[in-house]
Amino acid sequence: MYKIVIPGRPVPKSRPRFSKTGHAYTPQRTREYEELVGWKVREIIKEPIKGDVILHIKVYVKRNIFPDLDNIAKSIQDGMNKIAYYDDKQISYLTVQRIHGEEEKVEVEIEEVS
């Protein structure tokens, strides 16, 4: 099992935006957060897992902040693509939990299904 900590306030996955030419793109804030997730994962996992995985996500937030957990999970999953696993379709079991605390961060546990 791998444990990864992503410091700071979690950023939910934003809907794609469209340029004047109609080109879809991911908003910069989301893209930067997914890159941070990727760097934190690279520190722990050296090669993508090939099989199915179990993913547990704990989202620590300050009181009175109620983030959209499924969009935060999507940012985490997309940031881990091609680093922790080849594609997020390998996730066979997912839990996401919001925990109130003084330090905002995300803790991720990932394990390969045997």
C-alpha atoms as a PDB file:
ATOM      1  CA  MET A   1       0.000   0.000   0.000  1.00  0.00           C
ATOM      2  CA  TYR A   2       1.171   3.515  -0.824  1.00  0.00           C
ATOM      3  CA  LYS A   3       0.329   6.638   1.198  1.00  0.00           C
ATOM      4  CA  ILE A   4       0.518  10.058  -0.430  1.00  0.00           C
ATOM      5  CA  VAL A   5      -0.101  13.460   1.163  1.00  0.00           C
ATOM      6  CA  ILE A   6      -1.028  16.435  -1.008  1.00  0.00           C
ATOM      7  CA  PRO A   7      -0.632  19.643   1.029  1.00  0.00           C
ATOM      8  CA  GLY A   8      -2.921  22.660   0.836  1.00  0.00           C
ATOM      9  CA  ARG A   9      -6.540  23.249  -0.024  1.00  0.00           C
ATOM     10  CA  PRO A  10      -7.872  20.616  -2.421  1.00  0.00           C
ATOM     11  CA  VAL A  11      -9.051  21.897  -5.806  1.00  0.00           C
ATOM     12  CA  PRO A  12     -12.159  20.318  -7.320  1.00  0.00           C
ATOM     13  CA  LYS A  13     -12.128  19.358 -10.986  1.00  0.00           C
ATOM     14  CA  SER A  14     -13.615  22.224 -12.994  1.00  0.00           C
ATOM     15  CA  ARG A  15     -15.668  21.824 -16.107  1.00  0.00           C
ATOM     16  CA  PRO A  16     -13.742  22.306 -19.329  1.00  0.00           C
ATOM     17  CA  ARG A  17     -13.676  25.837 -20.703  1.00  0.00           C
ATOM     18  CA  PHE A  18     -13.872  26.760 -24.366  1.00  0.00           C
ATOM     19  CA  SER A  19     -11.722  29.244 -26.220  1.00  0.00           C
ATOM     20  CA  LYS A  20     -13.123  31.643 -28.801  1.00  0.00           C
ATOM     21  CA  THR A  21     -12.189  29.100 -31.464  1.00  0.00           C
ATOM     22  CA  GLY A  22     -14.193  26.380 -29.705  1.00  0.00           C
ATOM     23  CA  HIS A  23     -11.147  24.506 -28.379  1.00  0.00           C
ATOM     24  CA  ALA A  24     -11.799  22.855 -24.976  1.00  0.00           C
ATOM     25  CA  TYR A  25      -9.210  23.255 -22.225  1.00  0.00           C
ATOM     26  CA  THR A  26      -8.834  22.548 -18.504  1.00  0.00           C
ATOM     27  CA  PRO A  27      -8.789  25.711 -16.362  1.00  0.00           C
ATOM     28  CA  GLN A  28      -5.324  26.657 -15.090  1.00  0.00           C
ATOM     29  CA  ARG A  29      -6.129  26.249 -11.373  1.00  0.00           C
ATOM     30  CA  THR A  30      -7.323  22.671 -11.933  1.00  0.00           C
ATOM     31  CA  ARG A  31      -4.358  21.874 -14.186  1.00  0.00           C
ATOM     32  CA  GLU A  32      -1.874  23.182 -11.607  1.00  0.00           C
ATOM     33  CA  TYR A  33      -3.471  21.139  -8.816  1.00  0.00           C
ATOM     34  CA  GLU A  34      -3.405  17.960 -10.921  1.00  0.00           C
ATOM     35  CA  GLU A  35       0.294  18.623 -11.605  1.00  0.00           C
ATOM     36  CA  LEU A  36       0.943  18.995  -7.853  1.00  0.00           C
ATOM     37  CA  VAL A  37      -0.823  15.676  -7.258  1.00  0.00           C
ATOM     38  CA  GLY A  38       1.351  14.074  -9.937  1.00  0.00           C
ATOM     39  CA  TRP A  39       4.575  15.368  -8.370  1.00  0.00           C
ATOM     40  CA  LYS A  40       3.579  14.122  -4.910  1.00  0.00           C
ATOM     41  CA  VAL A  41       2.698  10.707  -6.338  1.00  0.00           C
ATOM     42  CA  ARG A  42       6.034  10.497  -8.208  1.00  0.00           C
ATOM     43  CA  GLU A  43       7.838  10.923  -4.894  1.00  0.00           C
ATOM     44  CA  ILE A  44       6.259   7.659  -3.647  1.00  0.00           C
ATOM     45  CA  ILE A  45       5.358   5.520  -6.680  1.00  0.00           C
ATOM     46  CA  LYS A  46       8.117   4.891  -9.212  1.00  0.00           C
ATOM     47  CA  GLU A  47       6.181   2.842 -11.771  1.00  0.00           C
ATOM     48  CA  PRO A  48       2.439   2.724 -12.587  1.00  0.00           C
ATOM     49  CA  ILE A  49       0.463  -0.162 -11.126  1.00  0.00           C
ATOM     50  CA  LYS A  50      -0.705  -2.512 -13.895  1.00  0.00           C
ATOM     51  CA  GLY A  51      -3.736  -4.136 -12.284  1.00  0.00           C
ATOM     52  CA  ASP A  52      -6.869  -2.909 -10.575  1.00  0.00           C
ATOM     53  CA  VAL A  53      -6.442  -0.580  -7.616  1.00  0.00           C
ATOM     54  CA  ILE A  54      -8.273   0.415  -4.460  1.00  0.00           C
ATOM     55  CA  LEU A  55      -8.206   4.133  -3.711  1.00  0.00           C
ATOM     56  CA  HIS A  56      -9.037   5.768  -0.367  1.00  0.00           C
ATOM     57  CA  ILE A  57      -9.110   9.572  -0.322  1.00  0.00           C
ATOM     58  CA  LYS A  58      -9.343  11.626   2.886  1.00  0.00           C
ATOM     59  CA  VAL A  59     -10.000  15.317   2.325  1.00  0.00           C
ATOM     60  CA  TYR A  60      -9.057  17.490   5.309  1.00  0.00           C
ATOM     61  CA  VAL A  61     -10.768  20.892   5.339  1.00  0.00           C
ATOM     62  CA  LYS A  62     -11.176  23.751   7.777  1.00  0.00           C
ATOM     63  CA  ARG A  63     -14.559  24.108   9.419  1.00  0.00           C
ATOM     64  CA  ASN A  64     -17.461  25.512   7.412  1.00  0.00           C
ATOM     65  CA  ILE A  65     -15.884  24.486   4.121  1.00  0.00           C
ATOM     66  CA  PHE A  66     -17.913  21.854   2.298  1.00  0.00           C
ATOM     67  CA  PRO A  67     -16.162  20.947  -0.947  1.00  0.00           C
ATOM     68  CA  ASP A  68     -17.795  18.864  -3.661  1.00  0.00           C
ATOM     69  CA  LEU A  69     -16.097  15.556  -2.866  1.00  0.00           C
ATOM     70  CA  ASP A  70     -16.694  13.837  -6.196  1.00  0.00           C
ATOM     71  CA  ASN A  71     -14.997  16.698  -8.079  1.00  0.00           C
ATOM     72  CA  ILE A  72     -12.040  16.667  -5.673  1.00  0.00           C
ATOM     73  CA  ALA A  73     -11.748  12.906  -6.173  1.00  0.00           C
ATOM     74  CA  LYS A  74     -11.734  13.454  -9.951  1.00  0.00           C
ATOM     75  CA  SER A  75      -8.859  15.974  -9.666  1.00  0.00           C
ATOM     76  CA  ILE A  76      -6.898  13.469  -7.586  1.00  0.00           C
ATOM     77  CA  GLN A  77      -7.641  10.569  -9.953  1.00  0.00           C
ATOM     78  CA  ASP A  78      -6.709  12.576 -13.053  1.00  0.00           C
ATOM     79  CA  GLY A  79      -3.519  13.830 -11.402  1.00  0.00           C
ATOM     80  CA  MET A  80      -2.514  10.226 -10.690  1.00  0.00           C
ATOM     81  CA  ASN A  81      -3.135   9.009 -14.275  1.00  0.00           C
ATOM     82  CA  LYS A  82      -0.048   7.506 -15.943  1.00  0.00           C
ATOM     83  CA  ILE A  83       1.885   7.878 -12.665  1.00  0.00           C
ATOM     84  CA  ALA A  84       0.225   5.708 -10.006  1.00  0.00           C
ATOM     85  CA  TYR A  85      -1.716   3.681 -12.579  1.00  0.00           C
ATOM     86  CA  TYR A  86      -2.096   3.781 -16.337  1.00  0.00           C
ATOM     87  CA  ASP A  87      -5.717   4.961 -16.347  1.00  0.00           C
ATOM     88  CA  ASP A  88      -8.284   5.753 -13.677  1.00  0.00           C
ATOM     89  CA  LYS A  89     -10.542   3.037 -15.099  1.00  0.00           C
ATOM     90  CA  GLN A  90      -8.268   0.661 -13.114  1.00  0.00           C
ATOM     91  CA  ILE A  91      -9.915   1.903  -9.898  1.00  0.00           C
ATOM     92  CA  SER A  92     -12.209  -0.889  -8.759  1.00  0.00           C
ATOM     93  CA  TYR A  93     -13.038   0.513  -5.315  1.00  0.00           C
ATOM     94  CA  LEU A  94     -13.084   4.161  -4.233  1.00  0.00           C
ATOM     95  CA  THR A  95     -13.826   5.883  -0.935  1.00  0.00           C
ATOM     96  CA  VAL A  96     -13.814   9.624  -0.379  1.00  0.00           C
ATOM     97  CA  GLN A  97     -14.163  11.127   3.073  1.00  0.00           C
ATOM     98  CA  ARG A  98     -14.331  14.727   4.320  1.00  0.00           C
ATOM     99  CA  ILE A  99     -12.627  15.356   7.672  1.00  0.00           C
ATOM    100  CA  HIS A 100     -12.660  18.665   9.531  1.00  0.00           C
ATOM    101  CA  GLY A 101      -9.253  19.779  10.756  1.00  0.00           C
ATOM    102  CA  GLU A 102      -6.963  22.760  11.071  1.00  0.00           C
ATOM    103  CA  GLU A 103      -4.614  21.765   8.248  1.00  0.00           C
ATOM    104  CA  GLU A 104      -6.047  21.509   4.749  1.00  0.00           C
ATOM    105  CA  LYS A 105      -4.626  18.588   2.803  1.00  0.00           C
ATOM    106  CA  VAL A 106      -5.539  15.353   1.057  1.00  0.00           C
ATOM    107  CA  GLU A 107      -4.300  11.924   2.098  1.00  0.00           C
ATOM    108  CA  VAL A 108      -4.476   9.170  -0.485  1.00  0.00           C
ATOM    109  CA  GLU A 109      -3.974   5.448   0.094  1.00  0.00           C
ATOM    110  CA  ILE A 110      -3.630   3.300  -2.996  1.00  0.00           C
ATOM    111  CA  GLU A 111      -3.189  -0.426  -3.162  1.00  0.00           C
ATOM    112  CA  GLU A 112      -3.131  -2.981  -5.919  1.00  0.00           C
ATOM    113  CA  VAL A 113      -5.933  -5.546  -5.956  1.00  0.00           C
ATOM    114  CA  SER A 114      -4.386  -8.995  -5.726  1.00  0.00           C
END
